[in-house]
Amino acid sequence: CQDMWLFDLQAKRWRELTEAARPERPRCSHTSVYLPNENVVVFFGGWDGAGTVFGDIICFDLTTESWIDLDSAAIHGDHIPERFAHVACDDGTGNGLYIVGGVNAEKELQDLVHIALED
């Protein structure tokens, strides 16, 4: 499934994004976290259902309705192991998130990773 929908709180209705605004690499079992200071939704990890496990960070800019690919090593300072079926939440600052656990192609992960985005 490659569709993406936005809910307009003022109009109280759903709107499907145009094909140009859909993600390039569809995925499932990923996480998404809204970061209010950046006005982005951060998507991390997941898998394609056919064996590819992702470790990338993709942000959807709600202002421009466009995708931004981020280099996880540049943000985190180290490679973040790819994973799916993990948990993520806002770190309380409005511009960062925590990622906990999950599974990759080799094993179950029991780690905690912090990612902070800069303004």
PDB file of N, CA and C in Angstrom:
ATOM      1  N   CYS A   1       0.847  -1.183   0.000  1.00  0.00           N
ATOM      2  CA  CYS A   1       0.000   0.000   0.000  1.00  0.00           C
ATOM      3  C   CYS A   1       0.888   1.240   0.000  1.00  0.00           C
ATOM      4  N   GLN A   2       0.606   2.146  -0.859  1.00  0.00           N
ATOM      5  CA  GLN A   2       1.463   3.312  -1.006  1.00  0.00           C
ATOM      6  C   GLN A   2       0.697   4.615  -0.814  1.00  0.00           C
ATOM      7  N   ASP A   3      -0.528   4.544  -0.304  1.00  0.00           N
ATOM      8  CA  ASP A   3      -1.284   5.768  -0.144  1.00  0.00           C
ATOM      9  C   ASP A   3      -0.969   6.443   1.184  1.00  0.00           C
ATOM     10  N   MET A   4      -1.218   7.739   1.253  1.00  0.00           N
ATOM     11  CA  MET A   4      -1.011   8.505   2.472  1.00  0.00           C
ATOM     12  C   MET A   4      -2.112   9.540   2.564  1.00  0.00           C
ATOM     13  N   TRP A   5      -2.661   9.675   3.768  1.00  0.00           N
ATOM     14  CA  TRP A   5      -3.781  10.578   4.000  1.00  0.00           C
ATOM     15  C   TRP A   5      -3.426  11.568   5.100  1.00  0.00           C
ATOM     16  N   LEU A   6      -3.952  12.787   4.969  1.00  0.00           N
ATOM     17  CA  LEU A   6      -3.802  13.818   5.995  1.00  0.00           C
ATOM     18  C   LEU A   6      -5.187  14.171   6.518  1.00  0.00           C
ATOM     19  N   PHE A   7      -5.283  14.387   7.831  1.00  0.00           N
ATOM     20  CA  PHE A   7      -6.556  14.803   8.416  1.00  0.00           C
ATOM     21  C   PHE A   7      -6.498  16.288   8.683  1.00  0.00           C
ATOM     22  N   ASP A   8      -7.431  17.037   8.120  1.00  0.00           N
ATOM     23  CA  ASP A   8      -7.528  18.476   8.305  1.00  0.00           C
ATOM     24  C   ASP A   8      -8.382  18.716   9.549  1.00  0.00           C
ATOM     25  N   LEU A   9      -7.756  19.224  10.618  1.00  0.00           N
ATOM     26  CA  LEU A   9      -8.470  19.422  11.879  1.00  0.00           C
ATOM     27  C   LEU A   9      -9.542  20.499  11.781  1.00  0.00           C
ATOM     28  N   GLN A  10      -9.329  21.520  10.948  1.00  0.00           N
ATOM     29  CA  GLN A  10     -10.329  22.582  10.810  1.00  0.00           C
ATOM     30  C   GLN A  10     -11.529  22.117   9.991  1.00  0.00           C
ATOM     31  N   ALA A  11     -11.274  21.450   8.878  1.00  0.00           N
ATOM     32  CA  ALA A  11     -12.364  20.980   8.015  1.00  0.00           C
ATOM     33  C   ALA A  11     -12.965  19.668   8.528  1.00  0.00           C
ATOM     34  N   LYS A  12     -12.239  18.999   9.432  1.00  0.00           N
ATOM     35  CA  LYS A  12     -12.671  17.713   9.993  1.00  0.00           C
ATOM     36  C   LYS A  12     -12.927  16.665   8.904  1.00  0.00           C
ATOM     37  N   ARG A  13     -11.944  16.536   8.026  1.00  0.00           N
ATOM     38  CA  ARG A  13     -12.057  15.527   6.973  1.00  0.00           C
ATOM     39  C   ARG A  13     -10.671  15.075   6.527  1.00  0.00           C
ATOM     40  N   TRP A  14     -10.641  13.877   5.941  1.00  0.00           N
ATOM     41  CA  TRP A  14      -9.417  13.287   5.420  1.00  0.00           C
ATOM     42  C   TRP A  14      -9.195  13.725   3.982  1.00  0.00           C
ATOM     43  N   ARG A  15      -7.913  13.835   3.624  1.00  0.00           N
ATOM     44  CA  ARG A  15      -7.537  14.168   2.254  1.00  0.00           C
ATOM     45  C   ARG A  15      -6.370  13.285   1.844  1.00  0.00           C
ATOM     46  N   GLU A  16      -6.526  12.603   0.706  1.00  0.00           N
ATOM     47  CA  GLU A  16      -5.441  11.758   0.210  1.00  0.00           C
ATOM     48  C   GLU A  16      -4.409  12.632  -0.490  1.00  0.00           C
ATOM     49  N   LEU A  17      -3.133  12.348  -0.212  1.00  0.00           N
ATOM     50  CA  LEU A  17      -2.066  13.096  -0.878  1.00  0.00           C
ATOM     51  C   LEU A  17      -1.992  12.710  -2.342  1.00  0.00           C
ATOM     52  N   THR A  18      -1.555  13.629  -3.134  1.00  0.00           N
ATOM     53  CA  THR A  18      -1.385  13.347  -4.556  1.00  0.00           C
ATOM     54  C   THR A  18      -0.252  12.349  -4.735  1.00  0.00           C
ATOM     55  N   GLU A  19      -0.200  11.740  -5.880  1.00  0.00           N
ATOM     56  CA  GLU A  19       0.836  10.739  -6.139  1.00  0.00           C
ATOM     57  C   GLU A  19       2.229  11.329  -6.001  1.00  0.00           C
ATOM     58  N   ALA A  20       2.401  12.604  -6.384  1.00  0.00           N
ATOM     59  CA  ALA A  20       3.717  13.242  -6.289  1.00  0.00           C
ATOM     60  C   ALA A  20       4.169  13.379  -4.842  1.00  0.00           C
ATOM     61  N   ALA A  21       3.229  13.426  -3.892  1.00  0.00           N
ATOM     62  CA  ALA A  21       3.579  13.603  -2.486  1.00  0.00           C
ATOM     63  C   ALA A  21       3.658  12.278  -1.730  1.00  0.00           C
ATOM     64  N   ARG A  22       3.503  11.157  -2.416  1.00  0.00           N
ATOM     65  CA  ARG A  22       3.573   9.855  -1.754  1.00  0.00           C
ATOM     66  C   ARG A  22       5.019   9.424  -1.586  1.00  0.00           C
ATOM     67  N   PRO A  23       5.288   8.590  -0.589  1.00  0.00           N
ATOM     68  CA  PRO A  23       6.671   8.145  -0.367  1.00  0.00           C
ATOM     69  C   PRO A  23       7.191   7.299  -1.521  1.00  0.00           C
ATOM     70  N   GLU A  24       8.508   7.418  -1.756  1.00  0.00           N
ATOM     71  CA  GLU A  24       9.128   6.659  -2.844  1.00  0.00           C
ATOM     72  C   GLU A  24       9.275   5.185  -2.508  1.00  0.00           C
ATOM     73  N   ARG A  25       9.521   4.881  -1.235  1.00  0.00           N
ATOM     74  CA  ARG A  25       9.751   3.513  -0.800  1.00  0.00           C
ATOM     75  C   ARG A  25       8.654   3.099   0.178  1.00  0.00           C
ATOM     76  N   PRO A  26       7.577   2.492  -0.322  1.00  0.00           N
ATOM     77  CA  PRO A  26       6.507   2.077   0.587  1.00  0.00           C
ATOM     78  C   PRO A  26       7.024   1.078   1.620  1.00  0.00           C
ATOM     79  N   ARG A  27       6.406   1.093   2.799  1.00  0.00           N
ATOM     80  CA  ARG A  27       6.872   0.246   3.883  1.00  0.00           C
ATOM     81  C   ARG A  27       5.761  -0.037   4.869  1.00  0.00           C
ATOM     82  N   CYS A  28       5.971  -1.049   5.688  1.00  0.00           N
ATOM     83  CA  CYS A  28       5.057  -1.363   6.781  1.00  0.00           C
ATOM     84  C   CYS A  28       5.890  -1.639   8.027  1.00  0.00           C
ATOM     85  N   SER A  29       5.238  -1.728   9.162  1.00  0.00           N
ATOM     86  CA  SER A  29       5.892  -1.981  10.456  1.00  0.00           C
ATOM     87  C   SER A  29       6.964  -0.945  10.782  1.00  0.00           C
ATOM     88  N   HIS A  30       6.767   0.293  10.317  1.00  0.00           N
ATOM     89  CA  HIS A  30       7.651   1.414  10.618  1.00  0.00           C
ATOM     90  C   HIS A  30       7.040   2.209  11.775  1.00  0.00           C
ATOM     91  N   THR A  31       7.715   3.262  12.193  1.00  0.00           N
ATOM     92  CA  THR A  31       7.127   4.188  13.155  1.00  0.00           C
ATOM     93  C   THR A  31       7.067   5.568  12.540  1.00  0.00           C
ATOM     94  N   SER A  32       6.160   6.370  13.055  1.00  0.00           N
ATOM     95  CA  SER A  32       6.067   7.769  12.648  1.00  0.00           C
ATOM     96  C   SER A  32       5.781   8.603  13.890  1.00  0.00           C
ATOM     97  N   VAL A  33       6.490   9.724  14.004  1.00  0.00           N
ATOM     98  CA  VAL A  33       6.367  10.606  15.160  1.00  0.00           C
ATOM     99  C   VAL A  33       6.274  12.038  14.661  1.00  0.00           C
ATOM    100  N   TYR A  34       5.290  12.779  15.170  1.00  0.00           N
ATOM    101  CA  TYR A  34       5.150  14.202  14.821  1.00  0.00           C
ATOM    102  C   TYR A  34       6.062  15.028  15.715  1.00  0.00           C
ATOM    103  N   LEU A  35       6.875  15.905  15.095  1.00  0.00           N
ATOM    104  CA  LEU A  35       7.753  16.807  15.828  1.00  0.00           C
ATOM    105  C   LEU A  35       7.272  18.240  15.603  1.00  0.00           C
ATOM    106  N   PRO A  36       6.597  18.832  16.602  1.00  0.00           N
ATOM    107  CA  PRO A  36       5.966  20.134  16.411  1.00  0.00           C
ATOM    108  C   PRO A  36       6.923  21.283  16.122  1.00  0.00           C
ATOM    109  N   ASN A  37       8.119  21.275  16.695  1.00  0.00           N
ATOM    110  CA  ASN A  37       9.052  22.377  16.429  1.00  0.00           C
ATOM    111  C   ASN A  37       9.490  22.417  14.977  1.00  0.00           C
ATOM    112  N   GLU A  38       9.518  21.258  14.347  1.00  0.00           N
ATOM    113  CA  GLU A  38       9.937  21.165  12.947  1.00  0.00           C
ATOM    114  C   GLU A  38       8.749  21.111  11.997  1.00  0.00           C
ATOM    115  N   ASN A  39       7.551  20.855  12.522  1.00  0.00           N
ATOM    116  CA  ASN A  39       6.321  20.644  11.744  1.00  0.00           C
ATOM    117  C   ASN A  39       6.512  19.550  10.690  1.00  0.00           C
ATOM    118  N   VAL A  40       7.127  18.461  11.153  1.00  0.00           N
ATOM    119  CA  VAL A  40       7.363  17.307  10.293  1.00  0.00           C
ATOM    120  C   VAL A  40       6.875  16.045  11.000  1.00  0.00           C
ATOM    121  N   VAL A  41       6.576  15.037  10.208  1.00  0.00           N
ATOM    122  CA  VAL A  41       6.353  13.694  10.718  1.00  0.00           C
ATOM    123  C   VAL A  41       7.575  12.886  10.307  1.00  0.00           C
ATOM    124  N   VAL A  42       8.236  12.294  11.293  1.00  0.00           N
ATOM    125  CA  VAL A  42       9.441  11.518  11.045  1.00  0.00           C
ATOM    126  C   VAL A  42       9.062  10.041  10.940  1.00  0.00           C
ATOM    127  N   PHE A  43       9.452   9.415   9.848  1.00  0.00           N
ATOM    128  CA  PHE A  43       9.242   7.988   9.628  1.00  0.00           C
ATOM    129  C   PHE A  43      10.593   7.307   9.764  1.00  0.00           C
ATOM    130  N   PHE A  44      10.628   6.211  10.531  1.00  0.00           N
ATOM    131  CA  PHE A  44      11.880   5.486  10.681  1.00  0.00           C
ATOM    132  C   PHE A  44      11.639   4.000  10.467  1.00  0.00           C
ATOM    133  N   GLY A  45      12.576   3.379   9.746  1.00  0.00           N
ATOM    134  CA  GLY A  45      12.606   1.936   9.612  1.00  0.00           C
ATOM    135  C   GLY A  45      11.437   1.337   8.862  1.00  0.00           C
ATOM    136  N   GLY A  46      11.122   0.093   9.226  1.00  0.00           N
ATOM    137  CA  GLY A  46      10.066  -0.655   8.567  1.00  0.00           C
ATOM    138  C   GLY A  46      10.643  -1.671   7.599  1.00  0.00           C
ATOM    139  N   TRP A  47       9.767  -2.331   6.897  1.00  0.00           N
ATOM    140  CA  TRP A  47      10.205  -3.272   5.868  1.00  0.00           C
ATOM    141  C   TRP A  47       9.217  -3.242   4.721  1.00  0.00           C
ATOM    142  N   ASP A  48       9.647  -3.761   3.580  1.00  0.00           N
ATOM    143  CA  ASP A  48       8.830  -3.669   2.362  1.00  0.00           C
ATOM    144  C   ASP A  48       7.908  -4.859   2.164  1.00  0.00           C
ATOM    145  N   GLY A  49       7.910  -5.813   3.082  1.00  0.00           N
ATOM    146  CA  GLY A  49       7.068  -6.997   2.958  1.00  0.00           C
ATOM    147  C   GLY A  49       7.680  -8.084   2.093  1.00  0.00           C
ATOM    148  N   ALA A  50       8.832  -7.793   1.493  1.00  0.00           N
ATOM    149  CA  ALA A  50       9.486  -8.766   0.609  1.00  0.00           C
ATOM    150  C   ALA A  50      10.900  -9.093   1.069  1.00  0.00           C
ATOM    151  N   GLY A  51      11.273  -8.625   2.286  1.00  0.00           N
ATOM    152  CA  GLY A  51      12.581  -8.976   2.816  1.00  0.00           C
ATOM    153  C   GLY A  51      13.530  -7.822   3.049  1.00  0.00           C
ATOM    154  N   THR A  52      13.259  -6.643   2.492  1.00  0.00           N
ATOM    155  CA  THR A  52      14.139  -5.498   2.713  1.00  0.00           C
ATOM    156  C   THR A  52      13.722  -4.782   3.991  1.00  0.00           C
ATOM    157  N   VAL A  53      14.676  -4.649   4.911  1.00  0.00           N
ATOM    158  CA  VAL A  53      14.449  -3.932   6.171  1.00  0.00           C
ATOM    159  C   VAL A  53      15.126  -2.569   6.051  1.00  0.00           C
ATOM    160  N   PHE A  54      14.415  -1.508   6.426  1.00  0.00           N
ATOM    161  CA  PHE A  54      14.923  -0.140   6.281  1.00  0.00           C
ATOM    162  C   PHE A  54      15.501   0.379   7.592  1.00  0.00           C
ATOM    163  N   GLY A  55      16.506   1.238   7.477  1.00  0.00           N
ATOM    164  CA  GLY A  55      17.087   1.940   8.617  1.00  0.00           C
ATOM    165  C   GLY A  55      17.200   3.417   8.325  1.00  0.00           C
ATOM    166  N   ASP A  56      16.391   3.880   7.386  1.00  0.00           N
ATOM    167  CA  ASP A  56      16.476   5.274   6.975  1.00  0.00           C
ATOM    168  C   ASP A  56      15.517   6.149   7.774  1.00  0.00           C
ATOM    169  N   ILE A  57      15.801   7.446   7.737  1.00  0.00           N
ATOM    170  CA  ILE A  57      14.942   8.438   8.370  1.00  0.00           C
ATOM    171  C   ILE A  57      14.384   9.302   7.252  1.00  0.00           C
ATOM    172  N   ILE A  58      13.069   9.340   7.165  1.00  0.00           N
ATOM    173  CA  ILE A  58      12.397  10.151   6.155  1.00  0.00           C
ATOM    174  C   ILE A  58      11.429  11.068   6.879  1.00  0.00           C
ATOM    175  N   CYS A  59      11.448  12.334   6.547  1.00  0.00           N
ATOM    176  CA  CYS A  59      10.539  13.297   7.155  1.00  0.00           C
ATOM    177  C   CYS A  59       9.542  13.778   6.119  1.00  0.00           C
ATOM    178  N   PHE A  60       8.292  13.907   6.553  1.00  0.00           N
ATOM    179  CA  PHE A  60       7.280  14.526   5.707  1.00  0.00           C
ATOM    180  C   PHE A  60       7.019  15.908   6.266  1.00  0.00           C
ATOM    181  N   ASP A  61       7.363  16.934   5.491  1.00  0.00           N
ATOM    182  CA  ASP A  61       7.180  18.328   5.891  1.00  0.00           C
ATOM    183  C   ASP A  61       5.712  18.697   5.686  1.00  0.00           C
ATOM    184  N   LEU A  62       5.010  18.980   6.767  1.00  0.00           N
ATOM    185  CA  LEU A  62       3.584  19.278   6.673  1.00  0.00           C
ATOM    186  C   LEU A  62       3.309  20.647   6.069  1.00  0.00           C
ATOM    187  N   THR A  63       4.280  21.540   6.100  1.00  0.00           N
ATOM    188  CA  THR A  63       4.106  22.866   5.503  1.00  0.00           C
ATOM    189  C   THR A  63       4.173  22.797   3.987  1.00  0.00           C
ATOM    190  N   THR A  64       5.168  22.094   3.469  1.00  0.00           N
ATOM    191  CA  THR A  64       5.373  22.027   2.018  1.00  0.00           C
ATOM    192  C   THR A  64       4.780  20.766   1.395  1.00  0.00           C
ATOM    193  N   GLU A  65       4.336  19.829   2.249  1.00  0.00           N
ATOM    194  CA  GLU A  65       3.837  18.529   1.796  1.00  0.00           C
ATOM    195  C   GLU A  65       4.842  17.846   0.871  1.00  0.00           C
ATOM    196  N   SER A  66       6.086  17.816   1.337  1.00  0.00           N
ATOM    197  CA  SER A  66       7.157  17.183   0.570  1.00  0.00           C
ATOM    198  C   SER A  66       7.996  16.306   1.496  1.00  0.00           C
ATOM    199  N   TRP A  67       8.739  15.368   0.898  1.00  0.00           N
ATOM    200  CA  TRP A  67       9.562  14.417   1.628  1.00  0.00           C
ATOM    201  C   TRP A  67      10.996  14.905   1.716  1.00  0.00           C
ATOM    202  N   ILE A  68      11.628  14.617   2.851  1.00  0.00           N
ATOM    203  CA  ILE A  68      13.031  14.954   3.066  1.00  0.00           C
ATOM    204  C   ILE A  68      13.725  13.680   3.550  1.00  0.00           C
ATOM    205  N   ASP A  69      14.711  13.203   2.802  1.00  0.00           N
ATOM    206  CA  ASP A  69      15.522  12.065   3.236  1.00  0.00           C
ATOM    207  C   ASP A  69      16.659  12.594   4.089  1.00  0.00           C
ATOM    208  N   LEU A  70      16.855  11.992   5.253  1.00  0.00           N
ATOM    209  CA  LEU A  70      17.917  12.426   6.149  1.00  0.00           C
ATOM    210  C   LEU A  70      18.961  11.329   6.285  1.00  0.00           C
ATOM    211  N   ASP A  71      20.186  11.728   6.507  1.00  0.00           N
ATOM    212  CA  ASP A  71      21.289  10.796   6.720  1.00  0.00           C
ATOM    213  C   ASP A  71      21.328  10.459   8.206  1.00  0.00           C
ATOM    214  N   SER A  72      20.922   9.246   8.568  1.00  0.00           N
ATOM    215  CA  SER A  72      20.838   8.886   9.988  1.00  0.00           C
ATOM    216  C   SER A  72      22.199   8.944  10.675  1.00  0.00           C
ATOM    217  N   ALA A  73      23.267   8.607   9.974  1.00  0.00           N
ATOM    218  CA  ALA A  73      24.601   8.659  10.572  1.00  0.00           C
ATOM    219  C   ALA A  73      25.008  10.100  10.869  1.00  0.00           C
ATOM    220  N   ALA A  74      24.648  11.042   9.997  1.00  0.00           N
ATOM    221  CA  ALA A  74      24.986  12.446  10.221  1.00  0.00           C
ATOM    222  C   ALA A  74      24.205  13.011  11.406  1.00  0.00           C
ATOM    223  N   ILE A  75      22.973  12.558  11.589  1.00  0.00           N
ATOM    224  CA  ILE A  75      22.145  13.055  12.686  1.00  0.00           C
ATOM    225  C   ILE A  75      22.540  12.399  14.003  1.00  0.00           C
ATOM    226  N   HIS A  76      22.700  11.106  13.976  1.00  0.00           N
ATOM    227  CA  HIS A  76      22.931  10.346  15.200  1.00  0.00           C
ATOM    228  C   HIS A  76      24.412  10.219  15.539  1.00  0.00           C
ATOM    229  N   GLY A  77      25.288  10.381  14.559  1.00  0.00           N
ATOM    230  CA  GLY A  77      26.716  10.239  14.782  1.00  0.00           C
ATOM    231  C   GLY A  77      27.209   8.813  14.621  1.00  0.00           C
ATOM    232  N   ASP A  78      26.297   7.914  14.313  1.00  0.00           N
ATOM    233  CA  ASP A  78      26.642   6.511  14.145  1.00  0.00           C
ATOM    234  C   ASP A  78      25.540   5.883  13.298  1.00  0.00           C
ATOM    235  N   HIS A  79      25.829   4.721  12.753  1.00  0.00           N
ATOM    236  CA  HIS A  79      24.814   4.012  11.981  1.00  0.00           C
ATOM    237  C   HIS A  79      23.743   3.479  12.931  1.00  0.00           C
ATOM    238  N   ILE A  80      22.485   3.728  12.616  1.00  0.00           N
ATOM    239  CA  ILE A  80      21.379   3.178  13.390  1.00  0.00           C
ATOM    240  C   ILE A  80      20.969   1.881  12.706  1.00  0.00           C
ATOM    241  N   PRO A  81      21.013   0.761  13.414  1.00  0.00           N
ATOM    242  CA  PRO A  81      20.644  -0.507  12.766  1.00  0.00           C
ATOM    243  C   PRO A  81      19.234  -0.468  12.197  1.00  0.00           C
ATOM    244  N   GLU A  82      19.086  -0.996  10.986  1.00  0.00           N
ATOM    245  CA  GLU A  82      17.768  -1.069  10.373  1.00  0.00           C
ATOM    246  C   GLU A  82      16.881  -1.960  11.228  1.00  0.00           C
ATOM    247  N   ARG A  83      15.548  -1.700  11.178  1.00  0.00           N
ATOM    248  CA  ARG A  83      14.638  -2.447  12.033  1.00  0.00           C
ATOM    249  C   ARG A  83      13.192  -2.232  11.616  1.00  0.00           C
ATOM    250  N   PHE A  84      12.349  -3.129  12.071  1.00  0.00           N
ATOM    251  CA  PHE A  84      10.902  -2.982  11.954  1.00  0.00           C
ATOM    252  C   PHE A  84      10.287  -3.497  13.244  1.00  0.00           C
ATOM    253  N   ALA A  85       9.002  -3.274  13.427  1.00  0.00           N
ATOM    254  CA  ALA A  85       8.282  -3.709  14.633  1.00  0.00           C
ATOM    255  C   ALA A  85       8.903  -3.123  15.898  1.00  0.00           C
ATOM    256  N   HIS A  86       9.345  -1.879  15.828  1.00  0.00           N
ATOM    257  CA  HIS A  86       9.930  -1.176  16.957  1.00  0.00           C
ATOM    258  C   HIS A  86       8.922  -0.156  17.496  1.00  0.00           C
ATOM    259  N   VAL A  87       9.340   0.606  18.485  1.00  0.00           N
ATOM    260  CA  VAL A  87       8.507   1.641  19.085  1.00  0.00           C
ATOM    261  C   VAL A  87       9.265   2.953  18.999  1.00  0.00           C
ATOM    262  N   ALA A  88       8.541   4.047  18.805  1.00  0.00           N
ATOM    263  CA  ALA A  88       9.172   5.368  18.790  1.00  0.00           C
ATOM    264  C   ALA A  88       8.234   6.383  19.434  1.00  0.00           C
ATOM    265  N   CYS A  89       8.824   7.411  20.037  1.00  0.00           N
ATOM    266  CA  CYS A  89       8.026   8.485  20.640  1.00  0.00           C
ATOM    267  C   CYS A  89       8.820   9.779  20.632  1.00  0.00           C
ATOM    268  N   ASP A  90       8.116  10.892  20.754  1.00  0.00           N
ATOM    269  CA  ASP A  90       8.718  12.218  20.873  1.00  0.00           C
ATOM    270  C   ASP A  90       9.569  12.239  22.143  1.00  0.00           C
ATOM    271  N   ASP A  91      10.692  12.937  22.097  1.00  0.00           N
ATOM    272  CA  ASP A  91      11.563  12.999  23.276  1.00  0.00           C
ATOM    273  C   ASP A  91      11.175  14.104  24.248  1.00  0.00           C
ATOM    274  N   GLY A  92      10.109  14.850  23.953  1.00  0.00           N
ATOM    275  CA  GLY A  92       9.648  15.915  24.838  1.00  0.00           C
ATOM    276  C   GLY A  92      10.187  17.288  24.496  1.00  0.00           C
ATOM    277  N   THR A  93      11.154  17.360  23.577  1.00  0.00           N
ATOM    278  CA  THR A  93      11.714  18.653  23.189  1.00  0.00           C
ATOM    279  C   THR A  93      10.999  19.253  21.986  1.00  0.00           C
ATOM    280  N   GLY A  94      10.256  18.433  21.264  1.00  0.00           N
ATOM    281  CA  GLY A  94       9.581  18.891  20.059  1.00  0.00           C
ATOM    282  C   GLY A  94      10.421  18.780  18.809  1.00  0.00           C
ATOM    283  N   ASN A  95      11.686  18.373  18.947  1.00  0.00           N
ATOM    284  CA  ASN A  95      12.513  18.192  17.747  1.00  0.00           C
ATOM    285  C   ASN A  95      13.374  16.933  17.799  1.00  0.00           C
ATOM    286  N   GLY A  96      12.944  15.954  18.577  1.00  0.00           N
ATOM    287  CA  GLY A  96      13.697  14.707  18.648  1.00  0.00           C
ATOM    288  C   GLY A  96      12.801  13.535  18.994  1.00  0.00           C
ATOM    289  N   LEU A  97      13.348  12.326  18.856  1.00  0.00           N
ATOM    290  CA  LEU A  97      12.576  11.148  19.170  1.00  0.00           C
ATOM    291  C   LEU A  97      13.473  10.040  19.698  1.00  0.00           C
ATOM    292  N   TYR A  98      12.842   9.104  20.396  1.00  0.00           N
ATOM    293  CA  TYR A  98      13.490   7.893  20.862  1.00  0.00           C
ATOM    294  C   TYR A  98      12.966   6.724  20.048  1.00  0.00           C
ATOM    295  N   ILE A  99      13.855   5.785  19.758  1.00  0.00           N
ATOM    296  CA  ILE A  99      13.496   4.538  19.078  1.00  0.00           C
ATOM    297  C   ILE A  99      13.921   3.403  19.996  1.00  0.00           C
ATOM    298  N   VAL A 100      13.020   2.458  20.206  1.00  0.00           N
ATOM    299  CA  VAL A 100      13.285   1.368  21.137  1.00  0.00           C
ATOM    300  C   VAL A 100      13.046   0.030  20.455  1.00  0.00           C
ATOM    301  N   GLY A 101      14.030  -0.866  20.573  1.00  0.00           N
ATOM    302  CA  GLY A 101      13.879  -2.256  20.167  1.00  0.00           C
ATOM    303  C   GLY A 101      13.571  -2.484  18.712  1.00  0.00           C
ATOM    304  N   GLY A 102      12.869  -3.579  18.456  1.00  0.00           N
ATOM    305  CA  GLY A 102      12.499  -3.960  17.106  1.00  0.00           C
ATOM    306  C   GLY A 102      13.205  -5.234  16.669  1.00  0.00           C
ATOM    307  N   VAL A 103      13.082  -5.510  15.392  1.00  0.00           N
ATOM    308  CA  VAL A 103      13.658  -6.716  14.800  1.00  0.00           C
ATOM    309  C   VAL A 103      14.332  -6.304  13.496  1.00  0.00           C
ATOM    310  N   ASN A 104      15.484  -6.908  13.208  1.00  0.00           N
ATOM    311  CA  ASN A 104      16.060  -6.735  11.876  1.00  0.00           C
ATOM    312  C   ASN A 104      16.243  -8.113  11.257  1.00  0.00           C
ATOM    313  N   ALA A 105      16.964  -8.198  10.173  1.00  0.00           N
ATOM    314  CA  ALA A 105      17.093  -9.477   9.463  1.00  0.00           C
ATOM    315  C   ALA A 105      17.857 -10.524  10.264  1.00  0.00           C
ATOM    316  N   GLU A 106      18.607 -10.089  11.278  1.00  0.00           N
ATOM    317  CA  GLU A 106      19.464 -11.003  12.019  1.00  0.00           C
ATOM    318  C   GLU A 106      18.975 -11.350  13.418  1.00  0.00           C
ATOM    319  N   LYS A 107      18.334 -10.389  14.107  1.00  0.00           N
ATOM    320  CA  LYS A 107      18.020 -10.625  15.520  1.00  0.00           C
ATOM    321  C   LYS A 107      16.995  -9.625  16.039  1.00  0.00           C
ATOM    322  N   GLU A 108      16.538  -9.881  17.264  1.00  0.00           N
ATOM    323  CA  GLU A 108      15.718  -8.906  17.973  1.00  0.00           C
ATOM    324  C   GLU A 108      16.652  -7.879  18.595  1.00  0.00           C
ATOM    325  N   LEU A 109      16.257  -6.620  18.511  1.00  0.00           N
ATOM    326  CA  LEU A 109      17.080  -5.541  19.064  1.00  0.00           C
ATOM    327  C   LEU A 109      16.506  -5.116  20.409  1.00  0.00           C
ATOM    328  N   GLN A 110      17.382  -4.823  21.347  1.00  0.00           N
ATOM    329  CA  GLN A 110      16.959  -4.384  22.677  1.00  0.00           C
ATOM    330  C   GLN A 110      17.702  -3.112  23.046  1.00  0.00           C
ATOM    331  N   ASP A 111      17.722  -2.157  22.123  1.00  0.00           N
ATOM    332  CA  ASP A 111      18.468  -0.935  22.331  1.00  0.00           C
ATOM    333  C   ASP A 111      17.543   0.274  22.428  1.00  0.00           C
ATOM    334  N   LEU A 112      18.128   1.392  22.795  1.00  0.00           N
ATOM    335  CA  LEU A 112      17.440   2.676  22.849  1.00  0.00           C
ATOM    336  C   LEU A 112      18.291   3.669  22.069  1.00  0.00           C
ATOM    337  N   VAL A 113      17.680   4.292  21.063  1.00  0.00           N
ATOM    338  CA  VAL A 113      18.392   5.250  20.210  1.00  0.00           C
ATOM    339  C   VAL A 113      17.695   6.593  20.306  1.00  0.00           C
ATOM    340  N   HIS A 114      18.479   7.678  20.448  1.00  0.00           N
ATOM    341  CA  HIS A 114      17.915   9.029  20.451  1.00  0.00           C
ATOM    342  C   HIS A 114      18.320   9.739  19.168  1.00  0.00           C
ATOM    343  N   ILE A 115      17.367  10.386  18.535  1.00  0.00           N
ATOM    344  CA  ILE A 115      17.622  11.167  17.325  1.00  0.00           C
ATOM    345  C   ILE A 115      17.111  12.578  17.571  1.00  0.00           C
ATOM    346  N   ALA A 116      17.950  13.563  17.345  1.00  0.00           N
ATOM    347  CA  ALA A 116      17.549  14.970  17.498  1.00  0.00           C
ATOM    348  C   ALA A 116      17.738  15.674  16.165  1.00  0.00           C
ATOM    349  N   LEU A 117      16.694  16.357  15.708  1.00  0.00           N
ATOM    350  CA  LEU A 117      16.767  17.154  14.489  1.00  0.00           C
ATOM    351  C   LEU A 117      17.067  18.595  14.867  1.00  0.00           C
ATOM    352  N   GLU A 118      17.818  19.267  14.046  1.00  0.00           N
ATOM    353  CA  GLU A 118      18.132  20.674  14.279  1.00  0.00           C
ATOM    354  C   GLU A 118      17.152  21.549  13.536  1.00  0.00           C
ATOM    355  N   ASP A 119      16.891  22.736  14.055  1.00  0.00           N
ATOM    356  CA  ASP A 119      16.016  23.699  13.350  1.00  0.00           C
ATOM    357  C   ASP A 119      16.663  24.140  12.062  1.00  0.00           C
TER     358      ASP A 119
END
